[in-house]
Amino acid sequence: MNTAEPPTTLRVFRENSRRYPDRPQLIYFDTILTVRQVDELSDALAAALAAEGVGPGDRVAAFMQNMPHYVLTLLAVWKLGAILVPVNPMLRAAELEHHLNDCGAVVLVALDTLWRDVARDVVAATAVRRVITARGCGMQTRNDERVLADRTVEPATGVLEFETLLARYRGRAPRPHEPSPEDVAFLCYTSGTTGAPKGAMCSHRNVISVGRATCAVTAVGPHSTVLALAPLFHITGLMVQLVPALISCCPLVLSFRFHPGVMLDSIREHRPTFAVGPVTAYIGLLQNPGFTLSDFAAFDRVYSGGAPISPATARSFEERTGQQLLGAYGMTEATAATHLTPKGMRSPVDPTTGALAVGLPTPGTSVRIVDDDGNELPAGTAGEVVLSSPGVVSGYWNRPDATAATIRDGLLYSGDIGVVDEDGWLFLVDRKKDLINCSGFKVWPREVEDALYEHPAVLEAAVVGAPDRYRGETVKAFVSLKKPGSVDSAELAAFVRERLAAYKRPSEIQILGSLPKTSSGKILRRALRDSTTSLPTAALD
């Protein structure tokens, strides 16, 4: 291999294991695994997978929660030159079958309850030839009810058990294999908020480049402790949590799945210094009855990505936690972050759009703002965000047409509308496809949502375009409240009337118990558009 090539994340991890074997790498409730233990356990799993015929280029699907087994599976797959396929644990049978068939996975590593409840009915219709089941409590020294309370699963016939394989192959390792920088490290599927999920081919070069850039901007290093707030199946969880922890040789705190009370307990017990997650997750933490200001005292960086943060939400977060909520922006097709707010800097607010900046370009990233014809626009003008970055993937798995529509000459056409100011800060306006056209007037949902967030009773807000015979489209808003019954639709309508031009005001505001979201925390505007009459409303009494 060319010595000028960057090392892979796997090579950096192996070097860390040699130099710092006793440093904590994974923390899972009362279990701590050192770097050496993670290396040895992933060696054992890699040997087991090799015995099942897994080799370079094969796809191994991981259908689990945030647990040590996930990290061991990723490293074991890389040690064989194979490709990890992270799978959303919220998928149901038909969705899982689509993912497995789309990627052609030969092995499925699944949480035992997910195997029992979802996967066992579909694998026969896929290329999967071996299933390995993992227990959520399997790597703990006590049966912690925070993980799988009242849920036990009998060993399944015809499948292998994760813990049994580790014991059987302990002390063994596969034949050494060093992936090429251009080899695919994982197929990370898009969230499907704008269409059918597609597998982005993230190479080892993409992964190490973005991982190093993220560490440089966020100052994650050996002194840090990273909280796994985002799910590991998601590009943010992989690339802004796991990979930085692996290459920086610092602990990653895992808490199975997101539950506000359990997550707060992990924060209090392990005092992480770094977190990244959707704003909806932070709202969940702050709404938990046990939350106190001291819970965030150990953090020195708290980031939010996935959706723009309203200035009102950012102010409320800082008042409640003492921490600034730092902006972040990225895409699955860019192997996560292309923009981050550097440590020690405050995200500005754009005076024209009212948007809070999502960050400055990470090292190696450049941005163009273009119009519908692809012409570059001057600073301060809204247009589509086009990215050049070492994280831009080569394309989608077996989707040449979709690749050609999104990635052209190495440039990623994001589908996001944004503004870049003279200092290089990126401000997101909205998704290009979410633009609402009211009698020829353009309405960006985020601007209306920000106005709603200014009301102290509003917990979450989402705005969509609804068909209208007279105007073509009209603005419709959905909100959930911090306290049910604290405000009604008429009061909210009067509130935004003072803040928005007439054509931007919602013709209807519907109050829901909660807003539909992806498992990574993004509010699903598409689900709201498609279900405008069937969604359950919150009681207003």
Protein backbone atom coordinates (compact mmCIF):
# COMPACT_ATOMS: atom_id res chain seq x y z
CA MET A 1 0.00 0.00 0.00
CA ASN A 2 1.18 3.52 -0.77
CA THR A 3 2.79 4.88 2.41
CA ALA A 4 1.34 8.30 1.62
CA GLU A 5 -2.17 6.90 2.01
CA PRO A 6 -3.95 7.73 5.27
CA PRO A 7 -4.28 4.87 7.73
CA THR A 8 -7.70 3.31 8.15
CA THR A 9 -9.66 3.64 11.37
CA LEU A 10 -8.97 -0.06 11.98
CA ARG A 11 -5.21 0.49 11.76
CA VAL A 12 -5.42 3.43 14.19
CA PHE A 13 -7.45 1.30 16.60
CA ARG A 14 -4.92 -1.55 16.39
CA GLU A 15 -2.10 0.89 17.15
CA ASN A 16 -4.06 2.22 20.13
CA SER A 17 -4.47 -1.34 21.37
CA ARG A 18 -0.72 -1.83 21.22
CA ARG A 19 0.18 1.49 22.86
CA TYR A 20 -2.70 2.02 25.31
CA PRO A 21 -4.16 -1.43 26.00
CA ASP A 22 -5.59 -0.64 29.42
CA ARG A 23 -7.48 2.54 28.60
CA PRO A 24 -11.27 2.25 28.88
CA GLN A 25 -12.88 2.07 25.43
CA LEU A 26 -16.49 1.05 26.05
CA ILE A 27 -18.64 1.74 29.10
CA TYR A 28 -21.97 -0.08 29.29
CA PHE A 29 -23.78 0.49 32.59
CA ASP A 30 -21.51 -1.29 35.13
CA THR A 31 -19.28 -2.94 32.50
CA ILE A 32 -16.02 -1.39 31.26
CA LEU A 33 -14.10 -2.88 28.34
CA THR A 34 -10.53 -1.74 27.76
CA VAL A 35 -9.03 -1.15 24.33
CA ARG A 36 -7.22 -4.49 24.55
CA GLN A 37 -10.40 -6.33 25.53
CA VAL A 38 -12.31 -4.77 22.64
CA ASP A 39 -9.48 -5.79 20.28
CA GLU A 40 -9.37 -9.36 21.59
CA LEU A 41 -13.15 -9.82 21.62
CA SER A 42 -13.50 -8.46 18.09
CA ASP A 43 -10.68 -10.80 17.01
CA ALA A 44 -12.68 -13.73 18.40
CA LEU A 45 -15.83 -12.62 16.60
CA ALA A 46 -13.87 -12.08 13.37
CA ALA A 47 -12.51 -15.64 13.64
CA ALA A 48 -16.06 -16.92 14.14
CA LEU A 49 -17.34 -14.98 11.13
CA ALA A 50 -14.42 -16.24 9.02
CA ALA A 51 -15.36 -19.79 9.98
CA GLU A 52 -18.82 -19.03 8.57
CA GLY A 53 -17.25 -18.02 5.27
CA VAL A 54 -17.35 -14.23 5.65
CA GLY A 55 -14.61 -12.55 3.65
CA PRO A 56 -13.66 -9.33 1.83
CA GLY A 57 -16.63 -7.47 0.36
CA ASP A 58 -19.30 -9.55 2.11
CA ARG A 59 -22.05 -7.61 3.85
CA VAL A 60 -22.84 -8.20 7.52
CA ALA A 61 -25.99 -6.52 8.85
CA ALA A 62 -26.14 -5.25 12.45
CA PHE A 63 -29.69 -5.08 13.84
CA MET A 64 -29.07 -3.96 17.42
CA GLN A 65 -29.29 -1.15 19.94
CA ASN A 66 -26.38 0.89 21.37
CA MET A 67 -24.48 -1.97 23.02
CA PRO A 68 -20.89 -3.27 23.00
CA HIS A 69 -21.83 -6.02 20.55
CA TYR A 70 -22.32 -3.32 17.90
CA VAL A 71 -18.76 -2.04 18.20
CA LEU A 72 -17.31 -5.55 18.30
CA THR A 73 -19.26 -6.47 15.18
CA LEU A 74 -18.04 -3.40 13.30
CA LEU A 75 -14.40 -4.08 14.14
CA ALA A 76 -14.69 -7.80 13.42
CA VAL A 77 -16.24 -7.09 10.02
CA TRP A 78 -13.46 -4.64 9.18
CA LYS A 79 -10.82 -7.15 10.24
CA LEU A 80 -12.14 -9.47 7.52
CA GLY A 81 -12.35 -6.77 4.85
CA ALA A 82 -16.12 -7.12 4.90
CA ILE A 83 -18.76 -4.37 4.94
CA LEU A 84 -20.95 -3.47 7.90
CA VAL A 85 -24.60 -2.65 7.19
CA PRO A 86 -26.12 -0.76 10.14
CA VAL A 87 -29.88 -1.45 10.29
CA ASN A 88 -32.41 0.69 12.13
CA PRO A 89 -33.75 -1.38 15.07
CA MET A 90 -37.16 0.24 14.62
CA LEU A 91 -37.70 -1.39 11.22
CA ARG A 92 -40.55 -3.83 10.89
CA ALA A 93 -40.44 -7.08 8.94
CA ALA A 94 -41.12 -5.78 5.42
CA GLU A 95 -38.68 -2.89 5.86
CA LEU A 96 -35.98 -5.19 7.21
CA GLU A 97 -36.49 -7.58 4.32
CA HIS A 98 -36.01 -4.69 1.87
CA HIS A 99 -32.72 -3.66 3.52
CA LEU A 100 -31.33 -7.20 3.66
CA ASN A 101 -32.22 -7.88 0.03
CA ASP A 102 -30.98 -4.49 -1.14
CA CYS A 103 -27.51 -4.98 0.36
CA GLY A 104 -27.32 -8.76 -0.07
CA ALA A 105 -26.22 -9.38 3.53
CA VAL A 106 -24.90 -12.90 4.19
CA VAL A 107 -24.88 -12.63 7.99
CA LEU A 108 -27.33 -10.91 10.33
CA VAL A 109 -26.24 -10.00 13.86
CA ALA A 110 -29.43 -9.18 15.74
CA LEU A 111 -30.58 -8.35 19.24
CA ASP A 112 -32.35 -11.49 20.43
CA THR A 113 -35.69 -9.72 20.92
CA LEU A 114 -35.46 -8.19 17.44
CA TRP A 115 -34.76 -11.63 16.01
CA ARG A 116 -37.76 -13.08 17.81
CA ASP A 117 -40.16 -10.22 17.05
CA VAL A 118 -39.08 -9.08 13.59
CA ALA A 119 -36.25 -10.83 11.78
CA ARG A 120 -36.99 -14.54 12.02
CA ASP A 121 -40.01 -14.25 9.75
CA VAL A 122 -38.10 -12.64 6.87
CA VAL A 123 -34.54 -14.02 6.64
CA ALA A 124 -35.63 -17.03 4.59
CA ALA A 125 -36.55 -14.64 1.78
CA THR A 126 -33.07 -13.05 1.79
CA ALA A 127 -29.46 -14.04 1.08
CA VAL A 128 -28.71 -14.30 4.82
CA ARG A 129 -27.13 -17.68 5.52
CA ARG A 130 -26.25 -17.26 9.19
CA VAL A 131 -27.90 -15.42 12.09
CA ILE A 132 -26.13 -14.46 15.32
CA THR A 133 -28.24 -13.25 18.24
CA ALA A 134 -27.00 -10.98 21.03
CA ARG A 135 -28.49 -10.37 24.47
CA GLY A 136 -28.77 -6.78 25.66
CA CYS A 137 -27.65 -7.81 29.14
CA GLY A 138 -25.04 -10.20 27.84
CA MET A 139 -22.01 -8.04 28.60
CA GLN A 140 -23.03 -6.83 32.02
CA THR A 141 -21.93 -8.10 35.39
CA ARG A 142 -25.49 -7.85 36.67
CA ASN A 143 -28.92 -8.14 35.11
CA ASP A 144 -29.64 -4.44 34.83
CA GLU A 145 -33.37 -3.75 34.51
CA ARG A 146 -32.61 -0.51 32.65
CA VAL A 147 -31.76 -2.56 29.58
CA LEU A 148 -34.42 -5.19 29.07
CA ALA A 149 -36.74 -5.13 32.06
CA ASP A 150 -39.10 -8.13 32.15
CA ARG A 151 -37.95 -9.39 28.76
CA THR A 152 -36.17 -12.70 28.51
CA VAL A 153 -35.64 -14.65 25.31
CA GLU A 154 -35.03 -18.35 25.15
CA PRO A 155 -32.11 -19.42 22.93
CA ALA A 156 -33.37 -19.75 19.37
CA THR A 157 -32.85 -22.90 17.35
CA GLY A 158 -30.85 -22.65 14.16
CA VAL A 159 -28.98 -19.50 15.17
CA LEU A 160 -25.63 -18.84 16.84
CA GLU A 161 -25.33 -16.91 20.10
CA PHE A 162 -22.94 -13.97 20.28
CA GLU A 163 -21.62 -14.78 23.75
CA THR A 164 -21.14 -18.46 22.89
CA LEU A 165 -19.09 -17.55 19.83
CA LEU A 166 -16.87 -15.22 21.85
CA ALA A 167 -16.19 -18.00 24.34
CA ARG A 168 -15.62 -20.61 21.63
CA TYR A 169 -13.17 -18.48 19.63
CA ARG A 170 -11.50 -16.68 22.51
CA GLY A 171 -7.78 -16.22 21.91
CA ARG A 172 -8.13 -16.76 18.17
CA ALA A 173 -7.84 -14.20 15.41
CA PRO A 174 -8.49 -14.21 11.68
CA ARG A 175 -5.78 -14.04 9.07
CA PRO A 176 -4.55 -10.40 9.12
CA HIS A 177 -6.28 -8.20 6.55
CA GLU A 178 -5.80 -4.48 5.98
CA PRO A 179 -8.65 -2.83 4.09
CA SER A 180 -7.78 -0.46 1.29
CA PRO A 181 -8.79 3.20 1.78
CA GLU A 182 -11.14 2.83 -1.19
CA ASP A 183 -12.87 -0.29 0.15
CA VAL A 184 -16.40 0.21 1.46
CA ALA A 185 -16.38 0.37 5.28
CA PHE A 186 -20.13 0.39 5.73
CA LEU A 187 -23.36 0.83 3.80
CA CYS A 188 -25.25 3.44 5.74
CA TYR A 189 -28.86 3.77 4.66
CA THR A 190 -30.50 7.15 4.27
CA SER A 191 -33.39 7.82 6.63
CA GLY A 192 -35.98 7.69 3.87
CA THR A 193 -37.50 11.07 4.76
CA THR A 194 -37.52 12.00 1.05
CA GLY A 195 -37.97 8.58 -0.57
CA ALA A 196 -36.95 4.93 -0.34
CA PRO A 197 -33.82 4.37 1.81
CA LYS A 198 -30.61 4.02 -0.20
CA GLY A 199 -27.29 2.56 0.95
CA ALA A 200 -24.51 5.17 0.86
CA MET A 201 -21.14 3.51 0.26
CA CYS A 202 -18.88 5.04 2.92
CA SER A 203 -15.28 4.06 2.22
CA HIS A 204 -12.50 3.64 4.76
CA ARG A 205 -10.97 6.81 3.31
CA ASN A 206 -14.23 8.67 3.95
CA VAL A 207 -14.40 7.34 7.51
CA ILE A 208 -10.88 8.20 8.66
CA SER A 209 -10.94 11.60 6.94
CA VAL A 210 -14.23 12.68 8.50
CA GLY A 211 -13.34 11.13 11.85
CA ARG A 212 -10.10 13.06 12.08
CA ALA A 213 -11.71 16.31 10.94
CA THR A 214 -14.45 15.89 13.55
CA CYS A 215 -11.91 15.35 16.32
CA ALA A 216 -9.92 18.39 15.19
CA VAL A 217 -12.91 20.75 15.30
CA THR A 218 -14.64 19.39 18.41
CA ALA A 219 -11.41 18.79 20.36
CA VAL A 220 -12.37 15.18 21.16
CA GLY A 221 -9.21 13.49 22.39
CA PRO A 222 -7.82 11.00 24.92
CA HIS A 223 -9.09 13.22 27.75
CA SER A 224 -12.69 13.06 26.50
CA THR A 225 -15.61 10.80 27.38
CA VAL A 226 -18.16 10.51 24.57
CA LEU A 227 -21.84 9.94 25.31
CA ALA A 228 -23.57 7.72 22.75
CA LEU A 229 -26.73 9.79 22.64
CA ALA A 230 -27.36 9.18 18.93
CA PRO A 231 -28.09 5.62 17.75
CA LEU A 232 -25.11 3.74 16.34
CA PHE A 233 -27.02 2.59 13.26
CA HIS A 234 -27.22 6.26 12.19
CA ILE A 235 -24.37 8.07 10.44
CA THR A 236 -24.14 10.57 13.33
CA GLY A 237 -23.78 7.82 15.91
CA LEU A 238 -21.14 6.07 13.86
CA MET A 239 -19.13 9.05 12.72
CA VAL A 240 -19.47 11.71 15.41
CA GLN A 241 -19.47 9.33 18.39
CA LEU A 242 -17.98 5.91 17.70
CA VAL A 243 -15.20 6.66 15.20
CA PRO A 244 -13.86 9.69 17.15
CA ALA A 245 -13.79 7.55 20.31
CA LEU A 246 -11.91 4.77 18.50
CA ILE A 247 -9.28 6.99 16.91
CA SER A 248 -8.88 9.20 19.99
CA CYS A 249 -8.71 6.20 22.32
CA CYS A 250 -11.30 7.59 24.71
CA PRO A 251 -14.33 5.95 26.36
CA LEU A 252 -17.71 5.69 24.63
CA VAL A 253 -20.65 5.51 27.04
CA LEU A 254 -23.38 3.20 25.74
CA SER A 255 -26.90 3.09 27.23
CA PHE A 256 -28.71 0.52 25.05
CA ARG A 257 -31.48 2.72 23.62
CA PHE A 258 -32.61 6.26 24.25
CA HIS A 259 -34.78 6.62 27.33
CA PRO A 260 -34.52 10.02 29.05
CA GLY A 261 -34.35 8.62 32.59
CA VAL A 262 -31.79 5.94 31.70
CA MET A 263 -29.70 8.40 29.69
CA LEU A 264 -29.65 10.86 32.58
CA ASP A 265 -28.58 8.04 34.89
CA SER A 266 -25.67 7.24 32.55
CA ILE A 267 -24.70 10.92 32.45
CA ARG A 268 -24.67 11.15 36.24
CA GLU A 269 -22.73 7.93 36.64
CA HIS A 270 -20.06 8.39 33.97
CA ARG A 271 -19.86 12.21 33.54
CA PRO A 272 -19.30 12.38 29.76
CA THR A 273 -17.72 15.49 28.29
CA PHE A 274 -19.03 15.32 24.71
CA ALA A 275 -22.45 14.67 23.21
CA VAL A 276 -24.16 14.98 19.85
CA GLY A 277 -27.78 14.27 19.09
CA PRO A 278 -31.02 15.56 17.63
CA VAL A 279 -32.65 18.46 19.42
CA THR A 280 -35.61 16.19 20.17
CA ALA A 281 -33.37 14.02 22.37
CA TYR A 282 -32.22 17.03 24.38
CA ILE A 283 -35.82 18.17 24.76
CA GLY A 284 -36.60 14.70 26.13
CA LEU A 285 -33.81 14.98 28.70
CA LEU A 286 -34.87 18.44 29.83
CA GLN A 287 -38.51 17.34 30.11
CA ASN A 288 -37.63 14.41 32.37
CA PRO A 289 -38.90 15.10 35.92
CA GLY A 290 -35.51 14.25 37.44
CA PHE A 291 -33.45 16.64 35.32
CA THR A 292 -31.27 19.18 37.15
CA LEU A 293 -28.74 21.79 36.07
CA SER A 294 -25.88 19.71 37.49
CA ASP A 295 -26.57 16.89 35.02
CA PHE A 296 -24.75 18.80 32.28
CA ALA A 297 -21.95 20.18 34.45
CA ALA A 298 -19.28 17.79 33.13
CA PHE A 299 -19.90 18.52 29.44
CA ASP A 300 -17.61 20.91 27.63
CA ARG A 301 -19.19 20.41 24.18
CA VAL A 302 -22.81 19.65 23.34
CA TYR A 303 -23.79 19.44 19.67
CA SER A 304 -27.07 19.02 17.85
CA GLY A 305 -27.52 17.94 14.26
CA GLY A 306 -30.15 16.42 12.01
CA ALA A 307 -32.30 19.55 11.81
CA PRO A 308 -31.79 23.29 12.29
CA ILE A 309 -32.12 24.54 15.86
CA SER A 310 -34.51 27.41 16.45
CA PRO A 311 -32.96 30.36 18.33
CA ALA A 312 -35.70 29.99 20.99
CA THR A 313 -34.77 26.35 21.58
CA ALA A 314 -31.08 27.22 21.80
CA ARG A 315 -31.78 29.95 24.37
CA SER A 316 -33.98 27.66 26.45
CA PHE A 317 -31.37 24.90 26.38
CA GLU A 318 -28.62 27.22 27.60
CA GLU A 319 -30.83 28.58 30.37
CA ARG A 320 -31.70 25.08 31.56
CA THR A 321 -28.25 23.45 31.27
CA GLY A 322 -25.65 26.21 31.36
CA GLN A 323 -24.34 24.81 28.04
CA GLN A 324 -24.49 26.32 24.58
CA LEU A 325 -26.11 23.97 22.09
CA LEU A 326 -23.58 23.97 19.25
CA GLY A 327 -24.64 23.62 15.64
CA ALA A 328 -23.69 20.73 13.37
CA TYR A 329 -24.59 19.74 9.83
CA GLY A 330 -23.91 16.76 7.65
CA MET A 331 -25.44 14.06 5.52
CA THR A 332 -25.22 10.30 5.19
CA GLU A 333 -23.83 10.87 1.70
CA ALA A 334 -21.04 13.02 3.19
CA THR A 335 -20.19 10.42 5.86
CA ALA A 336 -21.68 12.75 8.50
CA ALA A 337 -20.37 16.15 9.53
CA THR A 338 -19.34 18.73 6.95
CA HIS A 339 -20.02 21.67 9.31
CA LEU A 340 -19.45 22.04 13.03
CA THR A 341 -19.28 24.96 15.41
CA PRO A 342 -15.71 24.97 16.75
CA LYS A 343 -15.25 24.62 20.48
CA GLY A 344 -15.20 28.01 22.15
CA MET A 345 -17.22 29.78 19.45
CA ARG A 346 -20.88 30.78 19.48
CA SER A 347 -23.19 30.05 16.56
CA PRO A 348 -24.44 33.36 15.10
CA VAL A 349 -28.02 34.06 13.96
CA ASP A 350 -28.62 35.15 10.37
CA PRO A 351 -30.30 38.57 10.49
CA THR A 352 -32.28 37.92 7.28
CA THR A 353 -33.67 34.41 7.79
CA GLY A 354 -33.50 34.25 11.59
CA ALA A 355 -31.73 30.88 11.35
CA LEU A 356 -29.10 29.75 13.83
CA ALA A 357 -25.84 28.81 12.10
CA VAL A 358 -25.15 25.09 11.83
CA GLY A 359 -21.38 25.60 11.75
CA LEU A 360 -18.26 26.34 9.76
CA PRO A 361 -16.85 23.91 7.17
CA THR A 362 -14.74 21.10 8.62
CA PRO A 363 -11.14 20.74 7.33
CA GLY A 364 -11.15 19.81 3.66
CA THR A 365 -14.79 20.86 3.09
CA SER A 366 -15.91 23.63 0.74
CA VAL A 367 -19.42 24.87 0.02
CA ARG A 368 -21.17 26.49 -2.91
CA ILE A 369 -24.67 27.95 -2.87
CA VAL A 370 -26.33 27.58 -6.26
CA ASP A 371 -29.61 28.50 -7.95
CA ASP A 372 -31.90 26.08 -9.81
CA ASP A 373 -29.68 26.32 -12.90
CA GLY A 374 -26.50 25.51 -10.96
CA ASN A 375 -25.15 29.05 -10.99
CA GLU A 376 -23.17 30.02 -7.91
CA LEU A 377 -24.82 32.68 -5.76
CA PRO A 378 -23.10 35.41 -3.73
CA ALA A 379 -22.72 35.36 0.04
CA GLY A 380 -25.95 36.04 1.87
CA THR A 381 -28.19 34.64 -0.89
CA ALA A 382 -30.29 31.52 -0.33
CA GLY A 383 -29.85 28.56 -2.66
CA GLU A 384 -29.07 24.85 -2.71
CA VAL A 385 -26.10 23.72 -0.62
CA VAL A 386 -23.50 21.93 -2.76
CA LEU A 387 -20.68 20.24 -0.90
CA SER A 388 -17.15 19.20 -1.70
CA SER A 389 -15.66 17.12 1.11
CA PRO A 390 -13.35 14.13 1.73
CA GLY A 391 -16.45 12.47 3.18
CA VAL A 392 -18.53 12.57 -0.02
CA VAL A 393 -19.24 8.94 -0.91
CA SER A 394 -18.72 7.38 -4.32
CA GLY A 395 -22.44 6.66 -4.61
CA TYR A 396 -25.39 4.54 -3.55
CA TRP A 397 -25.22 0.75 -3.50
CA ASN A 398 -26.56 -0.56 -6.84
CA ARG A 399 -28.32 2.76 -7.54
CA PRO A 400 -26.46 4.44 -10.45
CA ASP A 401 -29.42 6.65 -11.38
CA ALA A 402 -29.87 7.95 -7.82
CA THR A 403 -26.11 8.45 -7.58
CA ALA A 404 -26.03 10.52 -10.78
CA ALA A 405 -28.87 12.71 -9.50
CA THR A 406 -27.16 13.51 -6.20
CA ILE A 407 -23.39 13.29 -6.76
CA ARG A 408 -22.00 14.99 -9.84
CA ASP A 409 -18.28 15.32 -10.54
CA GLY A 410 -17.57 14.55 -6.90
CA LEU A 411 -19.92 17.30 -5.67
CA LEU A 412 -22.83 16.46 -3.38
CA TYR A 413 -26.08 18.25 -4.19
CA SER A 414 -27.69 18.25 -0.76
CA GLY A 415 -31.29 19.22 -1.53
CA ASP A 416 -31.01 21.68 1.39
CA ILE A 417 -31.54 25.40 0.97
CA GLY A 418 -28.98 27.46 2.84
CA VAL A 419 -27.13 30.74 3.12
CA VAL A 420 -23.40 31.25 3.65
CA ASP A 421 -22.30 34.56 5.13
CA GLU A 422 -19.07 36.46 4.52
CA ASP A 423 -17.35 34.62 7.38
CA GLY A 424 -18.22 31.17 6.04
CA TRP A 425 -21.00 30.28 8.51
CA LEU A 426 -23.72 28.09 7.01
CA PHE A 427 -27.36 28.84 7.83
CA LEU A 428 -29.98 26.30 6.77
CA VAL A 429 -33.27 27.65 5.50
CA ASP A 430 -35.07 24.37 4.78
CA ARG A 431 -35.28 21.29 2.57
CA LYS A 432 -35.74 22.24 -1.08
CA LYS A 433 -38.67 19.82 -1.40
CA ASP A 434 -40.45 21.30 1.63
CA LEU A 435 -40.98 24.73 0.09
CA ILE A 436 -44.64 25.80 0.34
CA ASN A 437 -46.09 27.85 -2.53
CA CYS A 438 -49.02 29.98 -1.36
CA SER A 439 -50.50 31.90 -4.30
CA GLY A 440 -46.99 32.33 -5.69
CA PHE A 441 -45.45 33.38 -2.35
CA LYS A 442 -42.63 31.17 -1.06
CA VAL A 443 -42.94 29.99 2.52
CA TRP A 444 -40.14 28.07 4.19
CA PRO A 445 -41.54 25.81 6.97
CA ARG A 446 -38.62 26.46 9.30
CA GLU A 447 -39.41 30.18 9.53
CA VAL A 448 -42.98 29.42 10.66
CA GLU A 449 -41.72 26.73 13.03
CA ASP A 450 -39.27 29.17 14.61
CA ALA A 451 -42.13 31.59 15.28
CA LEU A 452 -44.10 28.82 17.00
CA TYR A 453 -41.08 27.80 19.09
CA GLU A 454 -41.01 31.32 20.53
CA HIS A 455 -44.21 30.49 22.45
CA PRO A 456 -43.21 29.16 25.88
CA ALA A 457 -45.82 26.36 25.81
CA VAL A 458 -44.60 24.78 22.56
CA LEU A 459 -42.41 21.69 22.84
CA GLU A 460 -42.11 20.73 19.17
CA ALA A 461 -43.38 22.22 15.92
CA ALA A 462 -43.60 21.11 12.31
CA VAL A 463 -45.06 22.93 9.33
CA VAL A 464 -46.14 21.46 5.99
CA GLY A 465 -47.97 22.55 2.86
CA ALA A 466 -51.58 21.38 2.54
CA PRO A 467 -53.56 21.40 -0.74
CA ASP A 468 -55.80 24.46 -1.15
CA ARG A 469 -58.21 25.00 -4.04
CA TYR A 470 -57.78 28.77 -4.02
CA ARG A 471 -54.10 29.29 -3.17
CA GLY A 472 -52.66 26.01 -4.45
CA GLU A 473 -51.12 25.35 -1.05
CA THR A 474 -51.73 26.64 2.43
CA VAL A 475 -49.60 26.49 5.55
CA LYS A 476 -50.56 23.90 8.15
CA ALA A 477 -48.79 23.57 11.50
CA PHE A 478 -48.54 20.72 13.97
CA VAL A 479 -47.30 21.24 17.53
CA SER A 480 -46.86 19.28 20.72
CA LEU A 481 -46.93 21.03 24.08
CA LYS A 482 -44.70 20.97 27.13
CA LYS A 483 -47.81 20.68 29.26
CA PRO A 484 -51.04 19.33 27.71
CA GLY A 485 -53.84 21.87 27.70
CA SER A 486 -51.61 24.84 28.46
CA VAL A 487 -52.58 26.62 25.23
CA ASP A 488 -55.07 26.09 22.41
CA SER A 489 -54.86 26.52 18.65
CA ALA A 490 -56.55 29.91 18.67
CA GLU A 491 -54.02 31.31 21.14
CA LEU A 492 -51.12 29.99 19.07
CA ALA A 493 -52.63 31.46 15.90
CA ALA A 494 -52.89 34.86 17.59
CA PHE A 495 -49.29 34.54 18.78
CA VAL A 496 -47.80 33.90 15.32
CA ARG A 497 -50.09 36.50 13.71
CA GLU A 498 -47.98 39.18 15.37
CA ARG A 499 -44.76 37.66 14.04
CA LEU A 500 -45.44 36.58 10.46
CA ALA A 501 -46.70 38.09 7.24
CA ALA A 502 -50.25 37.10 6.33
CA TYR A 503 -49.25 34.58 3.63
CA LYS A 504 -46.94 32.74 6.08
CA ARG A 505 -49.51 32.30 8.83
CA PRO A 506 -50.85 28.77 9.32
CA SER A 507 -54.42 28.31 8.17
CA GLU A 508 -54.68 25.55 10.76
CA ILE A 509 -52.69 24.61 13.85
CA GLN A 510 -53.23 21.07 15.08
CA ILE A 511 -52.09 20.10 18.58
CA LEU A 512 -50.82 16.51 18.87
CA GLY A 513 -49.65 14.44 21.79
CA SER A 514 -46.30 14.01 20.00
CA LEU A 515 -44.91 14.49 16.50
CA PRO A 516 -43.84 11.54 14.35
CA LYS A 517 -40.07 11.11 14.12
CA THR A 518 -37.43 8.92 12.60
CA SER A 519 -35.50 6.80 15.09
CA SER A 520 -32.65 9.30 14.78
CA GLY A 521 -34.95 12.04 16.07
CA LYS A 522 -35.87 13.94 12.91
CA ILE A 523 -39.46 15.11 12.78
CA LEU A 524 -41.17 13.44 9.83
CA ARG A 525 -42.87 16.20 7.88
CA ARG A 526 -43.75 13.70 5.18
CA ALA A 527 -45.79 11.62 7.64
CA LEU A 528 -47.63 14.75 8.71
CA ARG A 529 -48.43 15.66 5.10
CA ASP A 530 -49.64 12.13 4.37
CA SER A 531 -51.76 11.76 7.51
CA THR A 532 -53.37 15.13 8.02
CA THR A 533 -56.75 13.72 9.02
CA SER A 534 -55.84 10.51 10.85
CA LEU A 535 -53.30 11.65 13.43
CA PRO A 536 -54.47 11.51 17.07
CA THR A 537 -54.82 14.90 18.68
CA ALA A 538 -53.87 15.74 22.22
CA ALA A 539 -56.60 16.28 24.77
CA LEU A 540 -57.12 19.96 25.46
CA ASP A 541 -59.08 19.65 28.69
